[in-house]
């Protein structure tokens, strides 16, 4: 199910029973964060994985939203983890010190795994 949160940010939600996969596309910022917020609120008690491979940009608003929902999900017995991120988003996570909290696999993949 695709959930357009704004013309600039779209989320495809795949509910696989015990896991909800959210594939995001677009920039996550002050203008688009409210849409992601609305999608995540009812999912707090669930195990959720976010694919941000097609998110080329996030700012502090996006990081704050992800950290807040990570904590709210944990409080509700669920979880929220990023399973894939673009390089620019990874850089923001590293600089903000939130990579270890939000990434399912906080270490970058070895070069042979990425084809670089």
N, C-alpha and C. Protein backbone atom coordinates (compact mmCIF):
# COMPACT_ATOMS: atom_id res chain seq x y z
N UNK A 1 0.85 -1.18 0.00
CA UNK A 1 0.00 0.00 0.00
C UNK A 1 0.89 1.23 0.00
N UNK A 2 0.69 2.10 -0.97
CA UNK A 2 1.46 3.33 -1.04
C UNK A 2 0.70 4.42 -0.30
N UNK A 3 1.42 5.12 0.56
CA UNK A 3 0.83 6.19 1.35
C UNK A 3 1.52 7.50 0.99
N UNK A 4 0.95 8.27 0.06
CA UNK A 4 1.58 9.54 -0.27
C UNK A 4 1.43 10.50 0.89
N UNK A 5 2.55 10.90 1.46
CA UNK A 5 2.50 11.82 2.58
C UNK A 5 2.62 13.26 2.12
N UNK A 6 3.20 13.46 0.96
CA UNK A 6 3.29 14.76 0.32
C UNK A 6 3.76 14.52 -1.10
N UNK A 7 3.68 15.52 -1.99
CA UNK A 7 4.18 15.32 -3.34
C UNK A 7 5.70 15.03 -3.36
N UNK A 8 6.40 15.39 -2.29
CA UNK A 8 7.85 15.24 -2.25
C UNK A 8 8.33 14.04 -1.43
N UNK A 9 7.40 13.35 -0.76
CA UNK A 9 7.78 12.23 0.09
C UNK A 9 6.68 11.18 0.03
N UNK A 10 7.05 9.94 -0.26
CA UNK A 10 6.08 8.87 -0.42
C UNK A 10 6.54 7.66 0.40
N UNK A 11 5.59 6.94 0.96
CA UNK A 11 5.92 5.75 1.75
C UNK A 11 5.08 4.59 1.25
N UNK A 12 5.75 3.50 0.94
CA UNK A 12 5.07 2.26 0.58
C UNK A 12 5.11 1.36 1.82
N UNK A 13 3.94 0.96 2.30
CA UNK A 13 3.84 0.16 3.52
C UNK A 13 3.50 -1.27 3.14
N UNK A 14 4.35 -2.21 3.57
CA UNK A 14 4.13 -3.62 3.33
C UNK A 14 3.97 -4.28 4.70
N UNK A 15 2.75 -4.73 5.00
CA UNK A 15 2.47 -5.38 6.28
C UNK A 15 2.59 -6.88 6.09
N UNK A 16 3.64 -7.46 6.68
CA UNK A 16 3.89 -8.89 6.54
C UNK A 16 3.55 -9.64 7.82
N UNK A 17 2.56 -9.18 8.54
CA UNK A 17 2.13 -9.85 9.77
C UNK A 17 2.95 -9.42 10.96
N UNK A 18 4.05 -10.12 11.23
CA UNK A 18 4.87 -9.78 12.40
C UNK A 18 5.82 -8.63 12.11
N UNK A 19 5.91 -8.21 10.85
CA UNK A 19 6.84 -7.14 10.46
C UNK A 19 6.14 -6.18 9.50
N UNK A 20 6.39 -4.89 9.69
CA UNK A 20 5.91 -3.88 8.76
C UNK A 20 7.14 -3.24 8.12
N UNK A 21 7.21 -3.32 6.78
CA UNK A 21 8.30 -2.72 6.04
C UNK A 21 7.78 -1.44 5.41
N UNK A 22 8.51 -0.35 5.65
CA UNK A 22 8.15 0.94 5.08
C UNK A 22 9.27 1.38 4.15
N UNK A 23 8.95 1.52 2.88
CA UNK A 23 9.92 2.00 1.90
C UNK A 23 9.60 3.45 1.59
N UNK A 24 10.54 4.32 1.92
CA UNK A 24 10.33 5.75 1.75
C UNK A 24 11.07 6.24 0.50
N UNK A 25 10.52 7.28 -0.11
CA UNK A 25 11.15 7.89 -1.27
C UNK A 25 10.91 9.40 -1.20
N UNK A 26 11.98 10.15 -1.32
CA UNK A 26 11.89 11.61 -1.29
C UNK A 26 12.68 12.19 -0.14
N UNK A 27 12.61 13.49 0.01
CA UNK A 27 13.36 14.19 1.05
C UNK A 27 12.54 14.28 2.33
N UNK A 28 13.20 13.98 3.44
CA UNK A 28 12.56 14.06 4.76
C UNK A 28 13.04 15.32 5.44
N UNK A 29 12.14 16.27 5.60
CA UNK A 29 12.50 17.56 6.19
C UNK A 29 11.29 18.14 6.92
N UNK A 30 11.38 19.40 7.28
CA UNK A 30 10.33 20.07 8.03
C UNK A 30 8.98 19.99 7.32
N UNK A 31 8.97 20.06 6.00
CA UNK A 31 7.71 20.04 5.26
C UNK A 31 7.12 18.65 5.11
N UNK A 32 7.94 17.63 5.04
CA UNK A 32 7.45 16.27 4.77
C UNK A 32 7.35 15.39 6.03
N UNK A 33 8.01 15.78 7.10
CA UNK A 33 8.02 14.97 8.32
C UNK A 33 6.63 14.70 8.90
N UNK A 34 5.69 15.65 8.86
CA UNK A 34 4.37 15.36 9.44
C UNK A 34 3.68 14.15 8.79
N UNK A 35 3.90 13.94 7.51
CA UNK A 35 3.30 12.78 6.85
C UNK A 35 3.86 11.48 7.38
N UNK A 36 5.18 11.39 7.54
CA UNK A 36 5.79 10.20 8.10
C UNK A 36 5.35 10.01 9.55
N UNK A 37 5.23 11.08 10.27
CA UNK A 37 4.75 11.03 11.66
C UNK A 37 3.38 10.35 11.72
N UNK A 38 2.47 10.76 10.85
CA UNK A 38 1.11 10.18 10.83
C UNK A 38 1.14 8.69 10.51
N UNK A 39 2.03 8.27 9.63
CA UNK A 39 2.13 6.85 9.27
C UNK A 39 2.68 6.03 10.43
N UNK A 40 3.67 6.57 11.16
CA UNK A 40 4.34 5.80 12.21
C UNK A 40 3.55 5.68 13.50
N UNK A 41 2.74 6.65 13.84
CA UNK A 41 2.03 6.66 15.13
C UNK A 41 1.27 5.36 15.40
N UNK A 42 0.44 4.86 14.49
CA UNK A 42 -0.29 3.62 14.82
C UNK A 42 0.57 2.36 14.78
N UNK A 43 1.80 2.47 14.34
CA UNK A 43 2.67 1.30 14.22
C UNK A 43 3.58 1.09 15.42
N UNK A 44 3.49 1.91 16.44
CA UNK A 44 4.39 1.81 17.60
C UNK A 44 4.46 0.42 18.22
N UNK A 45 3.35 -0.30 18.37
CA UNK A 45 3.46 -1.61 19.00
C UNK A 45 3.99 -2.71 18.07
N UNK A 46 4.27 -2.36 16.83
CA UNK A 46 4.70 -3.33 15.83
C UNK A 46 6.22 -3.28 15.62
N UNK A 47 6.74 -4.33 14.99
CA UNK A 47 8.15 -4.34 14.58
C UNK A 47 8.20 -3.73 13.18
N UNK A 48 8.87 -2.59 13.07
CA UNK A 48 8.90 -1.85 11.80
C UNK A 48 10.34 -1.67 11.32
N UNK A 49 10.50 -1.84 10.02
CA UNK A 49 11.79 -1.60 9.38
C UNK A 49 11.58 -0.56 8.29
N UNK A 50 12.45 0.44 8.29
CA UNK A 50 12.37 1.52 7.31
C UNK A 50 13.48 1.38 6.29
N UNK A 51 13.11 1.43 5.03
CA UNK A 51 14.06 1.42 3.93
C UNK A 51 14.17 2.85 3.43
N UNK A 52 15.30 3.47 3.70
CA UNK A 52 15.55 4.85 3.30
C UNK A 52 16.59 4.93 2.17
N UNK A 53 16.72 3.85 1.39
CA UNK A 53 17.68 3.84 0.28
C UNK A 53 17.36 4.91 -0.75
N UNK A 54 16.06 5.27 -0.89
CA UNK A 54 15.64 6.29 -1.86
C UNK A 54 15.30 7.63 -1.19
N UNK A 55 15.90 7.86 -0.04
CA UNK A 55 15.75 9.15 0.65
C UNK A 55 17.10 9.87 0.54
N UNK A 56 17.21 10.84 -0.36
CA UNK A 56 18.51 11.47 -0.60
C UNK A 56 18.88 12.55 0.42
N UNK A 57 17.93 12.93 1.28
CA UNK A 57 18.19 14.03 2.21
C UNK A 57 17.31 13.90 3.43
N UNK A 58 17.88 14.20 4.58
CA UNK A 58 17.10 14.45 5.78
C UNK A 58 17.80 15.53 6.57
N UNK A 59 17.03 16.28 7.32
CA UNK A 59 17.60 17.30 8.18
C UNK A 59 17.34 16.93 9.64
N UNK A 60 17.60 17.84 10.53
CA UNK A 60 17.43 17.53 11.96
C UNK A 60 15.98 17.21 12.30
N UNK A 61 15.03 17.76 11.56
CA UNK A 61 13.63 17.44 11.80
C UNK A 61 13.39 15.95 11.59
N UNK A 62 13.93 15.41 10.49
CA UNK A 62 13.78 13.99 10.20
C UNK A 62 14.46 13.12 11.23
N UNK A 63 15.66 13.49 11.62
CA UNK A 63 16.40 12.71 12.63
C UNK A 63 15.65 12.72 13.96
N UNK A 64 15.18 13.89 14.37
CA UNK A 64 14.42 13.98 15.62
C UNK A 64 13.15 13.13 15.57
N UNK A 65 12.47 13.14 14.44
CA UNK A 65 11.26 12.33 14.28
C UNK A 65 11.59 10.85 14.41
N UNK A 66 12.65 10.40 13.75
CA UNK A 66 13.03 8.98 13.82
C UNK A 66 13.43 8.56 15.23
N UNK A 67 14.19 9.39 15.91
CA UNK A 67 14.61 9.07 17.29
C UNK A 67 13.40 9.02 18.21
N UNK A 68 12.49 9.97 18.05
CA UNK A 68 11.28 10.01 18.88
C UNK A 68 10.44 8.76 18.66
N UNK A 69 10.22 8.39 17.40
CA UNK A 69 9.40 7.21 17.12
C UNK A 69 10.12 5.91 17.50
N UNK A 70 11.43 5.90 17.43
CA UNK A 70 12.19 4.73 17.90
C UNK A 70 11.90 4.51 19.38
N UNK A 71 11.93 5.57 20.17
CA UNK A 71 11.68 5.47 21.60
C UNK A 71 10.22 5.13 21.90
N UNK A 72 9.29 5.78 21.19
CA UNK A 72 7.87 5.50 21.41
C UNK A 72 7.53 4.05 21.05
N UNK A 73 8.15 3.54 19.98
CA UNK A 73 7.92 2.15 19.60
C UNK A 73 8.45 1.21 20.69
N UNK A 74 9.64 1.49 21.19
CA UNK A 74 10.22 0.65 22.26
C UNK A 74 9.32 0.68 23.50
N UNK A 75 8.79 1.85 23.84
CA UNK A 75 7.90 1.97 25.00
C UNK A 75 6.61 1.18 24.81
N UNK A 76 6.16 1.03 23.55
CA UNK A 76 4.91 0.33 23.25
C UNK A 76 5.14 -1.15 22.96
N UNK A 77 6.38 -1.63 23.09
CA UNK A 77 6.67 -3.02 22.84
C UNK A 77 7.03 -3.35 21.41
N UNK A 78 7.17 -2.32 20.58
CA UNK A 78 7.53 -2.52 19.18
C UNK A 78 8.97 -2.11 18.94
N UNK A 79 9.31 -1.93 17.69
CA UNK A 79 10.65 -1.47 17.34
C UNK A 79 10.60 -0.70 16.03
N UNK A 80 11.58 0.15 15.85
CA UNK A 80 11.71 0.94 14.62
C UNK A 80 13.19 1.00 14.29
N UNK A 81 13.57 0.43 13.15
CA UNK A 81 14.97 0.40 12.72
C UNK A 81 15.06 0.76 11.25
N UNK A 82 16.13 1.42 10.89
CA UNK A 82 16.44 1.69 9.49
C UNK A 82 17.25 0.51 8.97
N UNK A 83 16.81 -0.09 7.86
CA UNK A 83 17.52 -1.24 7.32
C UNK A 83 18.36 -0.88 6.10
N UNK A 84 18.08 0.25 5.49
CA UNK A 84 18.86 0.72 4.35
C UNK A 84 18.78 2.23 4.32
N UNK A 85 19.90 2.87 4.04
CA UNK A 85 19.92 4.33 3.95
C UNK A 85 20.83 4.74 2.81
N UNK A 86 20.54 5.89 2.24
CA UNK A 86 21.41 6.47 1.22
C UNK A 86 22.67 7.02 1.90
N UNK A 87 23.69 7.25 1.12
CA UNK A 87 24.93 7.80 1.70
C UNK A 87 24.73 9.15 2.40
N UNK A 88 23.97 10.08 1.79
CA UNK A 88 23.77 11.36 2.49
C UNK A 88 23.05 11.21 3.83
N UNK A 89 22.06 10.33 3.88
CA UNK A 89 21.34 10.12 5.14
C UNK A 89 22.27 9.44 6.14
N UNK A 90 23.07 8.49 5.68
CA UNK A 90 24.02 7.82 6.58
C UNK A 90 24.97 8.85 7.20
N UNK A 91 25.41 9.80 6.38
CA UNK A 91 26.32 10.84 6.89
C UNK A 91 25.65 11.65 8.00
N UNK A 92 24.40 12.01 7.82
CA UNK A 92 23.68 12.77 8.85
C UNK A 92 23.52 11.93 10.12
N UNK A 93 23.22 10.64 9.95
CA UNK A 93 23.10 9.75 11.12
C UNK A 93 24.43 9.66 11.86
N UNK A 94 25.53 9.54 11.10
CA UNK A 94 26.86 9.45 11.73
C UNK A 94 27.21 10.75 12.46
N UNK A 95 26.99 11.88 11.80
CA UNK A 95 27.32 13.18 12.41
C UNK A 95 26.49 13.43 13.66
N UNK A 96 25.21 13.05 13.61
CA UNK A 96 24.32 13.31 14.75
C UNK A 96 24.49 12.28 15.87
N UNK A 97 25.25 11.22 15.60
CA UNK A 97 25.46 10.20 16.62
C UNK A 97 24.28 9.26 16.80
N UNK A 98 23.38 9.22 15.82
CA UNK A 98 22.19 8.38 15.95
C UNK A 98 22.26 7.10 15.13
N UNK A 99 23.33 6.88 14.38
CA UNK A 99 23.44 5.67 13.56
C UNK A 99 23.35 4.42 14.41
N UNK A 100 24.04 4.41 15.55
CA UNK A 100 24.04 3.21 16.40
C UNK A 100 22.65 2.95 17.00
N UNK A 101 21.84 3.97 17.13
CA UNK A 101 20.49 3.82 17.69
C UNK A 101 19.49 3.38 16.63
N UNK A 102 19.58 3.97 15.44
CA UNK A 102 18.54 3.78 14.44
C UNK A 102 18.81 2.70 13.40
N UNK A 103 20.07 2.45 13.10
CA UNK A 103 20.38 1.48 12.05
C UNK A 103 20.32 0.05 12.56
N UNK A 104 19.68 -0.82 11.80
CA UNK A 104 19.64 -2.24 12.16
C UNK A 104 21.04 -2.82 12.14
N UNK A 105 21.86 -2.35 11.22
CA UNK A 105 23.25 -2.78 11.11
C UNK A 105 24.10 -1.52 11.09
N UNK A 106 24.56 -1.04 12.26
CA UNK A 106 25.24 0.26 12.32
C UNK A 106 26.58 0.32 11.60
N UNK A 107 27.22 -0.82 11.37
CA UNK A 107 28.50 -0.81 10.67
C UNK A 107 28.24 -0.76 9.17
N UNK A 108 29.03 0.01 8.42
CA UNK A 108 28.85 0.02 6.97
C UNK A 108 29.24 -1.34 6.40
N UNK A 109 28.60 -1.73 5.28
CA UNK A 109 28.95 -3.02 4.69
C UNK A 109 30.36 -2.98 4.15
N UNK A 110 31.02 -4.13 4.09
CA UNK A 110 32.38 -4.16 3.52
C UNK A 110 32.34 -3.74 2.06
N UNK A 111 33.44 -3.17 1.53
CA UNK A 111 33.45 -2.68 0.15
C UNK A 111 33.04 -3.75 -0.87
N UNK A 112 33.40 -5.00 -0.66
CA UNK A 112 33.05 -6.04 -1.63
C UNK A 112 31.55 -6.28 -1.67
N UNK A 113 30.83 -5.95 -0.59
CA UNK A 113 29.38 -6.15 -0.55
C UNK A 113 28.65 -5.05 -1.31
N UNK A 114 29.28 -3.90 -1.46
CA UNK A 114 28.63 -2.78 -2.13
C UNK A 114 29.05 -2.64 -3.57
N UNK A 115 30.03 -3.42 -4.00
CA UNK A 115 30.50 -3.31 -5.37
C UNK A 115 31.42 -2.15 -5.60
N UNK A 116 31.89 -1.47 -4.54
CA UNK A 116 32.78 -0.33 -4.68
C UNK A 116 34.21 -0.76 -4.72
